[in-house]
Protein backbone atom coordinates (compact mmCIF):
# COMPACT_ATOMS: atom_id res chain seq x y z
CA UNK A 1 255.41 83.57 159.59
CA UNK A 2 256.42 87.31 159.60
CA UNK A 3 259.56 87.70 157.78
CA UNK A 4 261.46 91.57 157.93
CA UNK A 5 263.72 91.90 155.05
CA UNK A 6 266.53 94.47 154.24
CA UNK A 7 267.69 95.71 151.16
CA UNK A 8 264.32 94.93 150.17
CA UNK A 9 264.04 97.08 146.74
CA UNK A 10 267.04 95.59 145.67
CA UNK A 11 267.82 93.47 142.75
CA UNK A 12 267.51 90.27 145.21
CA UNK A 13 265.81 91.52 147.92
CA UNK A 14 262.98 92.26 145.75
CA UNK A 15 263.12 88.63 144.86
CA UNK A 16 262.69 87.60 147.81
CA UNK A 17 260.45 89.78 148.86
CA UNK A 18 257.95 88.46 145.92
CA UNK A 19 259.02 85.03 146.76
CA UNK A 20 258.13 85.24 150.46
CA UNK A 21 254.72 86.67 149.35
CA UNK A 22 253.63 83.56 146.87
CA UNK A 23 254.72 81.20 150.25
CA UNK A 24 252.04 83.14 152.17
CA UNK A 25 254.35 84.84 154.41
CA UNK A 26 253.78 88.41 155.85
CA UNK A 27 256.83 90.76 154.82
CA UNK A 28 258.10 93.56 156.29
CA UNK A 29 259.93 95.41 153.49
CA UNK A 30 263.07 97.72 155.01
CA UNK A 31 263.59 100.37 152.27
CA UNK A 32 265.49 103.75 152.37
CA UNK A 33 263.64 105.79 149.19
CA UNK A 34 261.14 104.80 146.57
CA UNK A 35 260.10 101.43 145.99
CA UNK A 36 258.51 99.23 142.86
CA UNK A 37 257.59 96.16 145.07
CA UNK A 38 253.49 97.16 144.50
CA UNK A 39 250.54 96.43 146.57
CA UNK A 40 250.18 93.41 149.12
CA UNK A 41 247.96 92.81 152.09
CA UNK A 42 250.69 90.58 153.55
CA UNK A 43 253.19 93.45 152.23
CA UNK A 44 254.26 96.40 154.69
CA UNK A 45 256.87 98.85 153.92
CA UNK A 46 258.88 100.18 156.54
CA UNK A 47 261.18 103.41 155.05
CA UNK A 48 264.27 103.88 157.13
CA UNK A 49 268.04 104.50 157.39
CA UNK A 50 270.10 101.72 158.09
CA UNK A 51 272.69 103.47 160.15
CA UNK A 52 269.74 103.95 162.55
CA UNK A 53 268.99 101.67 165.19
CA UNK A 54 265.35 103.14 166.03
CA UNK A 55 264.74 102.94 161.74
CA UNK A 56 266.32 98.67 162.18
CA UNK A 57 264.59 98.06 165.53
CA UNK A 58 261.07 99.45 164.11
CA UNK A 59 261.65 97.25 160.95
CA UNK A 60 262.24 93.48 163.01
CA UNK A 61 260.17 94.47 165.88
CA UNK A 62 257.20 91.85 165.46
CA UNK A 63 258.84 89.46 163.42
CA UNK A 64 260.40 86.22 163.63
CA UNK A 65 263.16 86.31 160.73
CA UNK A 66 265.10 88.37 159.25
CA UNK A 67 266.50 88.24 156.21
CA UNK A 68 269.37 90.68 154.69
CA UNK A 69 270.14 91.52 150.94
CA UNK A 70 271.56 94.50 151.99
CA UNK A 71 275.31 95.25 149.65
CA UNK A 72 277.72 98.12 149.74
CA UNK A 73 278.17 98.07 146.30
CA UNK A 74 277.83 102.34 145.19
CA UNK A 75 277.63 103.39 148.43
CA UNK A 76 279.95 105.97 149.82
CA UNK A 77 281.72 104.30 153.39
CA UNK A 78 281.40 100.68 151.60
CA UNK A 79 280.29 100.02 155.27
CA UNK A 80 276.29 98.92 154.56
CA UNK A 81 276.99 95.11 155.80
CA UNK A 82 278.84 95.79 158.68
CA UNK A 83 276.79 98.45 160.45
CA UNK A 84 273.28 97.09 159.53
CA UNK A 85 274.19 93.94 160.88
CA UNK A 86 275.66 95.02 164.58
CA UNK A 87 272.02 97.16 164.36
CA UNK A 88 270.20 93.23 163.58
CA UNK A 89 271.94 91.64 165.86
CA UNK A 90 270.93 94.23 168.59
CA UNK A 91 267.28 93.88 167.98
CA UNK A 92 266.99 90.22 166.93
CA UNK A 93 268.53 89.67 170.67
CA UNK A 94 265.89 91.93 171.79
CA UNK A 95 262.60 90.68 169.89
CA UNK A 96 263.85 86.63 169.92
CA UNK A 97 264.16 86.46 166.17
CA UNK A 98 264.52 82.92 165.62
CA UNK A 99 266.98 83.01 162.45
CA UNK A 100 268.70 85.56 160.62
CA UNK A 101 269.54 84.90 156.67
CA UNK A 102 272.18 87.22 154.97
CA UNK A 103 274.00 87.35 151.96
CA UNK A 104 277.28 88.55 150.61
CA UNK A 105 280.20 87.57 147.57
CA UNK A 106 282.02 84.43 147.52
CA UNK A 107 285.17 85.90 148.12
CA UNK A 108 284.49 87.12 151.60
CA UNK A 109 286.50 84.62 154.00
CA UNK A 110 284.80 83.13 157.15
CA UNK A 111 286.14 81.52 159.98
CA UNK A 112 287.62 78.05 159.57
CA UNK A 113 288.03 78.08 155.77
CA UNK A 114 290.75 76.25 153.60
CA UNK A 115 292.20 78.57 151.41
CA UNK A 116 293.91 77.24 147.95
CA UNK A 117 296.14 78.68 145.46
CA UNK A 118 293.18 80.25 143.21
CA UNK A 119 291.40 81.83 145.69
CA UNK A 120 294.63 83.42 147.35
CA UNK A 121 295.56 85.18 143.96
CA UNK A 122 292.20 86.11 143.37
CA UNK A 123 291.31 87.62 147.00
CA UNK A 124 294.90 89.61 146.84
CA UNK A 125 293.43 90.77 143.66
CA UNK A 126 290.05 91.83 144.97
CA UNK A 127 291.49 93.08 148.23
CA UNK A 128 292.99 95.93 145.98
CA UNK A 129 289.99 96.61 143.42
CA UNK A 130 287.52 96.38 146.30
CA UNK A 131 288.81 95.90 149.24
CA UNK A 132 286.49 97.38 151.33
CA UNK A 133 283.38 95.83 149.98
CA UNK A 134 285.66 92.83 150.75
CA UNK A 135 286.11 93.32 154.61
CA UNK A 136 282.56 94.63 155.28
CA UNK A 137 281.54 91.02 153.89
CA UNK A 138 283.72 89.57 156.37
CA UNK A 139 282.69 91.99 159.21
CA UNK A 140 279.14 90.92 158.63
CA UNK A 141 279.88 87.02 158.85
CA UNK A 142 282.27 87.26 162.09
CA UNK A 143 279.40 89.63 163.83
CA UNK A 144 276.93 87.03 163.69
CA UNK A 145 279.67 83.91 164.20
CA UNK A 146 280.09 85.65 167.64
CA UNK A 147 276.42 86.59 168.06
CA UNK A 148 274.83 83.46 169.21
CA UNK A 149 271.88 83.50 167.15
CA UNK A 150 271.03 81.24 164.81
CA UNK A 151 271.96 82.23 161.54
CA UNK A 152 273.32 81.71 157.84
CA UNK A 153 274.74 83.54 155.09
CA UNK A 154 275.03 82.74 151.81
CA UNK A 155 277.94 83.41 149.82
CA UNK A 156 277.33 83.61 146.45
CA UNK A 157 279.20 84.47 142.89
CA UNK A 158 278.94 87.01 140.77
CA UNK A 159 274.96 87.15 139.93
CA UNK A 160 273.22 87.43 136.81
CA UNK A 161 270.03 86.34 134.78
CA UNK A 162 271.60 83.99 133.05
CA UNK A 163 270.94 79.86 133.32
CA UNK A 164 268.80 78.24 135.42
CA UNK A 165 267.74 78.74 138.89
CA UNK A 166 268.22 75.37 140.21
CA UNK A 167 271.10 76.00 142.92
CA UNK A 168 272.74 73.73 145.49
CA UNK A 169 274.37 75.43 148.68
CA UNK A 170 278.09 73.83 149.53
CA UNK A 171 281.72 74.09 151.34
CA UNK A 172 283.15 74.13 148.71
CA UNK A 173 284.20 77.74 147.05
CA UNK A 174 282.93 78.93 143.28
CA UNK A 175 285.77 79.09 140.87
CA UNK A 176 286.41 82.79 139.89
CA UNK A 177 284.73 82.75 136.49
CA UNK A 178 281.85 81.33 138.16
CA UNK A 179 278.27 82.76 137.85
CA UNK A 180 274.99 82.31 139.09
CA UNK A 181 271.25 83.03 138.16
CA UNK A 182 270.13 86.29 141.02
CA UNK A 183 266.93 84.43 140.66
CA UNK A 184 268.37 80.91 142.57
CA UNK A 185 270.18 82.59 145.05
CA UNK A 186 266.67 84.63 146.27
CA UNK A 187 265.31 81.09 146.04
CA UNK A 188 268.11 79.81 148.31
CA UNK A 189 267.45 82.36 150.84
CA UNK A 190 264.31 81.91 151.02
CA UNK A 191 264.79 78.14 151.33
CA UNK A 192 266.58 78.76 154.73
CA UNK A 193 263.23 80.29 156.51
CA UNK A 194 262.59 76.56 157.36
CA UNK A 195 265.59 74.99 156.79
CA UNK A 196 267.70 74.96 159.23
CA UNK A 197 270.51 72.17 157.78
CA UNK A 198 273.03 74.94 157.55
CA UNK A 199 273.04 77.03 160.69
CA UNK A 200 275.40 79.20 161.84
CA UNK A 201 277.83 78.61 158.90
CA UNK A 202 278.49 80.43 155.69
CA UNK A 203 277.72 78.16 152.55
CA UNK A 204 278.59 78.79 148.99
CA UNK A 205 275.91 78.83 146.50
CA UNK A 206 276.68 77.19 142.77
CA UNK A 207 274.58 75.85 140.06
CA UNK A 208 272.86 72.36 140.44
């Protein structure tokens, strides 16, 4: 299958690219600058700016699935997911993309979420510390919800290199202190290329 990965040179994105190539997929890696993805006959590197709709269109053209590991941490405007997904949605419609798979933090709220007291407290705290990041994640989920596309957004707690790579996707929000191995997050997103059991929904990922 032909798959384009946005944020392909990031900590999670680079793992996703590797896993997709190991499964025999043809991968278009969208990156902004230099990369450490190596060479592979099934790998195509496209350099571009996520703020450019033309660059996004160029990357998506000829692909069947979009995977986004974009993030706004460390960026000036903190709107990478919102702007990027806007362009991705437009290009996905034009190119008849069969599935869009994205990633954001577990604290981001989505339509229909239940909000317990622990989450309300944590949400208020994060809203002060990283409100723009939080809203960016939420905005891009809402964009997908109303897009008419087949999509899934994996919502992840803090990622690290600890623990096993086992995971489960669930509708239960993880506790604020929970973490997960980023390789597990990458694997969960790769699994969604062929697994349509989570469609038009934004499940949480937790350790299995």
